[in-house]
Amino acid sequence: MRKILVRAMTILMIAGVASGLAAQPSPQGGRRPAGPPPPLILQSNDVFDGAMIATKFTCAAGADAVSPELHWIQPPRGTVSFTLILHDMEPHPRKGIDDILHWMVWNLPATASLLPEDVSHATGDLPDGSHQTNGFVGRNGNFGYLPPCPPQNVSVPHHYAFELFALDQKLDLPANATRADVMKAMDGHIIGHSSIVAHFNR
């Protein structure tokens, strides 16, 4: 009698599982549902995550210093513009929240996927409508890329973050906008983000 009851319960359990599986909606066409979209990825042929920044892209190169090549793939659906921010993560002047801004480019169009090596300090190498600046605007006539330049003879390297943001709108800001202006305008419109953090010391 006990064997009969065990067998009956087993049959009922199997039937219940089968019924539950049958009740599950099957993906269209028998395919599995699509997973989340791939993330935005910032890449470079010149600077690499966790590596030392080559001299040619730093103040150690003097007047010959140039900006590195940067490119990106897999922008999120709905991207309207990109903002790139390069900053030295170590110093915090006046104990404030901000660190040192070395380069900021905003309103790069959604069709853009590359900043070539040696972007001019003028706007000629940027797509129409894009703007650039740094945290020391006007120093030596430089309104663009400011090469990494930590204090000399510091044993611990400074870390430099290249951050790319995908936005769902263009930023309605003038060409002389500050970092604070750009960050405020970006708030609530970031739909993708990727970064490269490299280091340098002299």
Protein backbone atom coordinates (compact mmCIF):
# COMPACT_ATOMS: atom_id res chain seq x y z
CA MET A 1 0.00 0.00 0.00
CA ARG A 2 2.83 2.37 0.90
CA LYS A 3 4.56 1.74 -2.44
CA ILE A 4 1.33 2.52 -4.26
CA LEU A 5 0.95 5.84 -2.39
CA VAL A 6 4.58 6.83 -3.08
CA ARG A 7 4.17 6.01 -6.77
CA ALA A 8 0.93 7.99 -6.96
CA MET A 9 2.51 11.03 -5.29
CA THR A 10 5.48 10.86 -7.67
CA ILE A 11 3.16 10.77 -10.68
CA LEU A 12 1.22 13.77 -9.35
CA MET A 13 4.45 15.75 -8.77
CA ILE A 14 5.72 15.05 -12.28
CA ALA A 15 2.36 16.03 -13.74
CA GLY A 16 2.38 19.26 -11.74
CA VAL A 17 5.84 20.22 -12.96
CA ALA A 18 4.91 19.43 -16.54
CA SER A 19 1.74 21.48 -16.22
CA GLY A 20 3.69 24.41 -14.82
CA LEU A 21 6.19 24.27 -17.65
CA ALA A 22 3.42 24.10 -20.20
CA ALA A 23 1.83 27.19 -18.67
CA GLN A 24 5.01 29.24 -19.16
CA PRO A 25 4.85 31.48 -22.25
CA SER A 26 7.40 30.34 -24.80
CA PRO A 27 9.67 32.91 -26.48
CA GLN A 28 8.55 33.99 -29.92
CA GLY A 29 9.79 31.61 -32.56
CA GLY A 30 11.22 29.30 -29.91
CA ARG A 31 14.15 31.67 -29.21
CA ARG A 32 15.31 32.80 -25.80
CA PRO A 33 14.43 36.38 -24.81
CA ALA A 34 17.12 38.91 -25.71
CA GLY A 35 19.47 39.80 -22.88
CA PRO A 36 20.47 43.32 -21.85
CA PRO A 37 22.16 45.44 -24.52
CA PRO A 38 25.98 45.43 -24.54
CA PRO A 39 27.63 48.23 -22.55
CA LEU A 40 29.33 51.28 -23.97
CA ILE A 41 33.08 50.60 -24.20
CA LEU A 42 35.80 53.29 -24.38
CA GLN A 43 39.06 52.07 -25.95
CA SER A 44 42.39 53.50 -27.10
CA ASN A 45 45.42 52.53 -29.12
CA ASP A 46 47.51 54.94 -27.01
CA VAL A 47 46.43 54.69 -23.35
CA PHE A 48 45.46 51.53 -21.50
CA ASP A 49 43.59 50.81 -18.31
CA GLY A 50 46.00 50.37 -15.41
CA ALA A 51 49.10 51.20 -17.47
CA MET A 52 51.56 54.09 -17.49
CA ILE A 53 50.76 56.91 -19.92
CA ALA A 54 53.41 57.24 -22.62
CA THR A 55 55.62 60.34 -22.44
CA LYS A 56 54.35 61.81 -25.72
CA PHE A 57 50.93 62.39 -24.14
CA THR A 58 52.27 64.10 -21.00
CA CYS A 59 53.95 67.35 -20.01
CA ALA A 60 57.27 65.48 -20.07
CA ALA A 61 57.09 65.90 -23.85
CA GLY A 62 56.98 69.68 -23.45
CA ALA A 63 55.45 71.60 -26.32
CA ASP A 64 55.32 68.39 -28.39
CA ALA A 65 52.74 66.74 -26.13
CA VAL A 66 49.61 65.57 -27.96
CA SER A 67 46.25 64.10 -26.98
CA PRO A 68 45.89 60.30 -27.30
CA GLU A 69 43.64 58.49 -29.74
CA LEU A 70 40.32 57.41 -28.22
CA HIS A 71 37.49 55.44 -29.74
CA TRP A 72 34.32 53.79 -28.51
CA ILE A 73 31.85 51.09 -29.48
CA GLN A 74 28.33 49.93 -28.58
CA PRO A 75 26.65 53.27 -27.82
CA PRO A 76 23.31 52.78 -26.06
CA ARG A 77 20.10 53.08 -28.04
CA GLY A 78 18.83 56.63 -27.75
CA THR A 79 22.27 58.25 -27.62
CA VAL A 80 22.16 61.83 -28.88
CA SER A 81 25.57 63.09 -27.78
CA PHE A 82 28.75 62.16 -25.91
CA THR A 83 30.83 63.98 -23.32
CA LEU A 84 34.47 63.10 -22.64
CA ILE A 85 36.14 64.17 -19.39
CA LEU A 86 39.82 63.63 -18.52
CA HIS A 87 40.75 64.41 -14.93
CA ASP A 88 43.56 63.84 -12.43
CA MET A 89 41.92 61.92 -9.58
CA GLU A 90 44.51 62.69 -6.89
CA PRO A 91 44.50 66.43 -6.11
CA HIS A 92 41.49 68.16 -4.55
CA PRO A 93 42.21 71.90 -4.40
CA ARG A 94 40.92 73.62 -1.27
CA LYS A 95 39.77 70.19 -0.04
CA GLY A 96 36.85 70.43 -2.45
CA ILE A 97 34.95 67.77 -4.33
CA ASP A 98 36.51 68.69 -7.68
CA ASP A 99 39.85 67.39 -8.86
CA ILE A 100 41.97 68.69 -11.77
CA LEU A 101 40.27 68.86 -15.17
CA HIS A 102 42.71 68.17 -18.02
CA TRP A 103 40.27 67.95 -20.90
CA MET A 104 36.56 68.08 -21.51
CA VAL A 105 34.79 67.67 -24.85
CA TRP A 106 31.01 67.89 -25.01
CA ASN A 107 28.27 67.66 -27.64
CA LEU A 108 30.13 65.03 -29.64
CA PRO A 109 27.34 63.74 -31.92
CA ALA A 110 25.87 60.25 -31.65
CA THR A 111 27.48 59.42 -35.01
CA ALA A 112 30.98 60.06 -33.60
CA SER A 113 33.06 57.07 -32.50
CA LEU A 114 36.59 58.47 -32.50
CA LEU A 115 38.85 61.26 -31.32
CA PRO A 116 42.09 61.00 -33.30
CA GLU A 117 45.52 61.44 -31.81
CA ASP A 118 46.66 65.07 -31.54
CA VAL A 119 43.32 66.87 -31.49
CA SER A 120 44.03 70.53 -32.14
CA HIS A 121 43.66 73.09 -29.36
CA ALA A 122 41.25 74.80 -31.71
CA THR A 123 37.93 73.23 -32.66
CA GLY A 124 38.96 72.20 -36.17
CA ASP A 125 39.47 68.53 -35.28
CA LEU A 126 36.11 68.25 -33.52
CA PRO A 127 32.74 67.53 -35.16
CA ASP A 128 30.51 70.54 -35.74
CA GLY A 129 28.73 71.65 -32.60
CA SER A 130 31.31 70.12 -30.24
CA HIS A 131 33.30 72.16 -27.74
CA GLN A 132 36.36 71.56 -25.60
CA THR A 133 38.04 73.13 -22.59
CA ASN A 134 40.25 72.33 -19.60
CA GLY A 135 40.64 73.43 -15.99
CA PHE A 136 43.20 76.10 -16.87
CA VAL A 137 41.47 77.77 -19.81
CA GLY A 138 43.66 80.21 -21.62
CA ARG A 139 46.96 79.14 -20.06
CA ASN A 140 49.52 79.42 -22.86
CA GLY A 141 46.63 79.78 -25.27
CA ASN A 142 45.52 76.20 -24.61
CA PHE A 143 41.76 75.68 -24.69
CA GLY A 144 41.93 71.93 -25.32
CA TYR A 145 43.93 68.94 -24.12
CA LEU A 146 46.10 69.69 -21.10
CA PRO A 147 48.66 66.87 -20.75
CA PRO A 148 49.03 65.02 -17.44
CA CYS A 149 51.62 66.78 -15.30
CA PRO A 150 51.86 65.67 -11.66
CA PRO A 151 54.46 67.24 -9.34
CA GLN A 152 58.01 66.07 -9.88
CA ASN A 153 59.69 63.49 -7.64
CA VAL A 154 56.41 62.15 -6.29
CA SER A 155 56.79 58.40 -5.74
CA VAL A 156 53.08 57.58 -6.04
CA PRO A 157 51.75 58.07 -9.60
CA HIS A 158 48.70 60.18 -10.23
CA HIS A 159 45.74 58.42 -11.79
CA TYR A 160 44.10 59.96 -14.83
CA ALA A 161 40.53 58.96 -15.70
CA PHE A 162 39.29 59.23 -19.28
CA GLU A 163 35.52 59.06 -18.86
CA LEU A 164 33.01 58.87 -21.70
CA PHE A 165 29.31 59.57 -21.09
CA ALA A 166 26.50 58.79 -23.52
CA LEU A 167 23.63 61.25 -23.17
CA ASP A 168 20.04 61.27 -24.38
CA GLN A 169 20.26 64.91 -25.44
CA LYS A 170 22.68 67.62 -26.56
CA LEU A 171 23.81 70.09 -23.94
CA ASP A 172 22.44 73.57 -24.47
CA LEU A 173 25.58 75.33 -23.30
CA PRO A 174 27.87 78.01 -24.73
CA ALA A 175 31.43 77.30 -25.87
CA ASN A 176 32.81 78.86 -22.66
CA ALA A 177 30.85 76.54 -20.35
CA THR A 178 32.65 75.27 -17.26
CA ARG A 179 32.96 71.76 -15.92
CA ALA A 180 30.29 72.57 -13.33
CA ASP A 181 27.96 73.77 -16.12
CA VAL A 182 28.48 70.58 -18.12
CA MET A 183 28.05 68.25 -15.14
CA LYS A 184 24.84 70.00 -14.10
CA ALA A 185 23.43 69.82 -17.66
CA MET A 186 24.35 66.11 -17.89
CA ASP A 187 22.55 65.20 -14.67
CA GLY A 188 19.48 63.13 -15.47
CA HIS A 189 20.54 62.42 -19.06
CA ILE A 190 23.34 59.83 -18.73
CA ILE A 191 22.41 56.54 -20.41
CA GLY A 192 25.89 55.03 -20.76
CA HIS A 193 29.36 55.36 -19.26
CA SER A 194 32.81 53.87 -19.78
CA SER A 195 36.30 54.79 -18.61
CA ILE A 196 40.03 54.17 -18.91
CA VAL A 197 42.14 54.91 -15.84
CA ALA A 198 45.88 55.19 -16.54
CA HIS A 199 48.69 56.63 -14.43
CA PHE A 200 51.79 58.80 -14.71
CA ASN A 201 54.52 60.24 -12.50
CA ARG A 202 57.72 62.15 -13.17
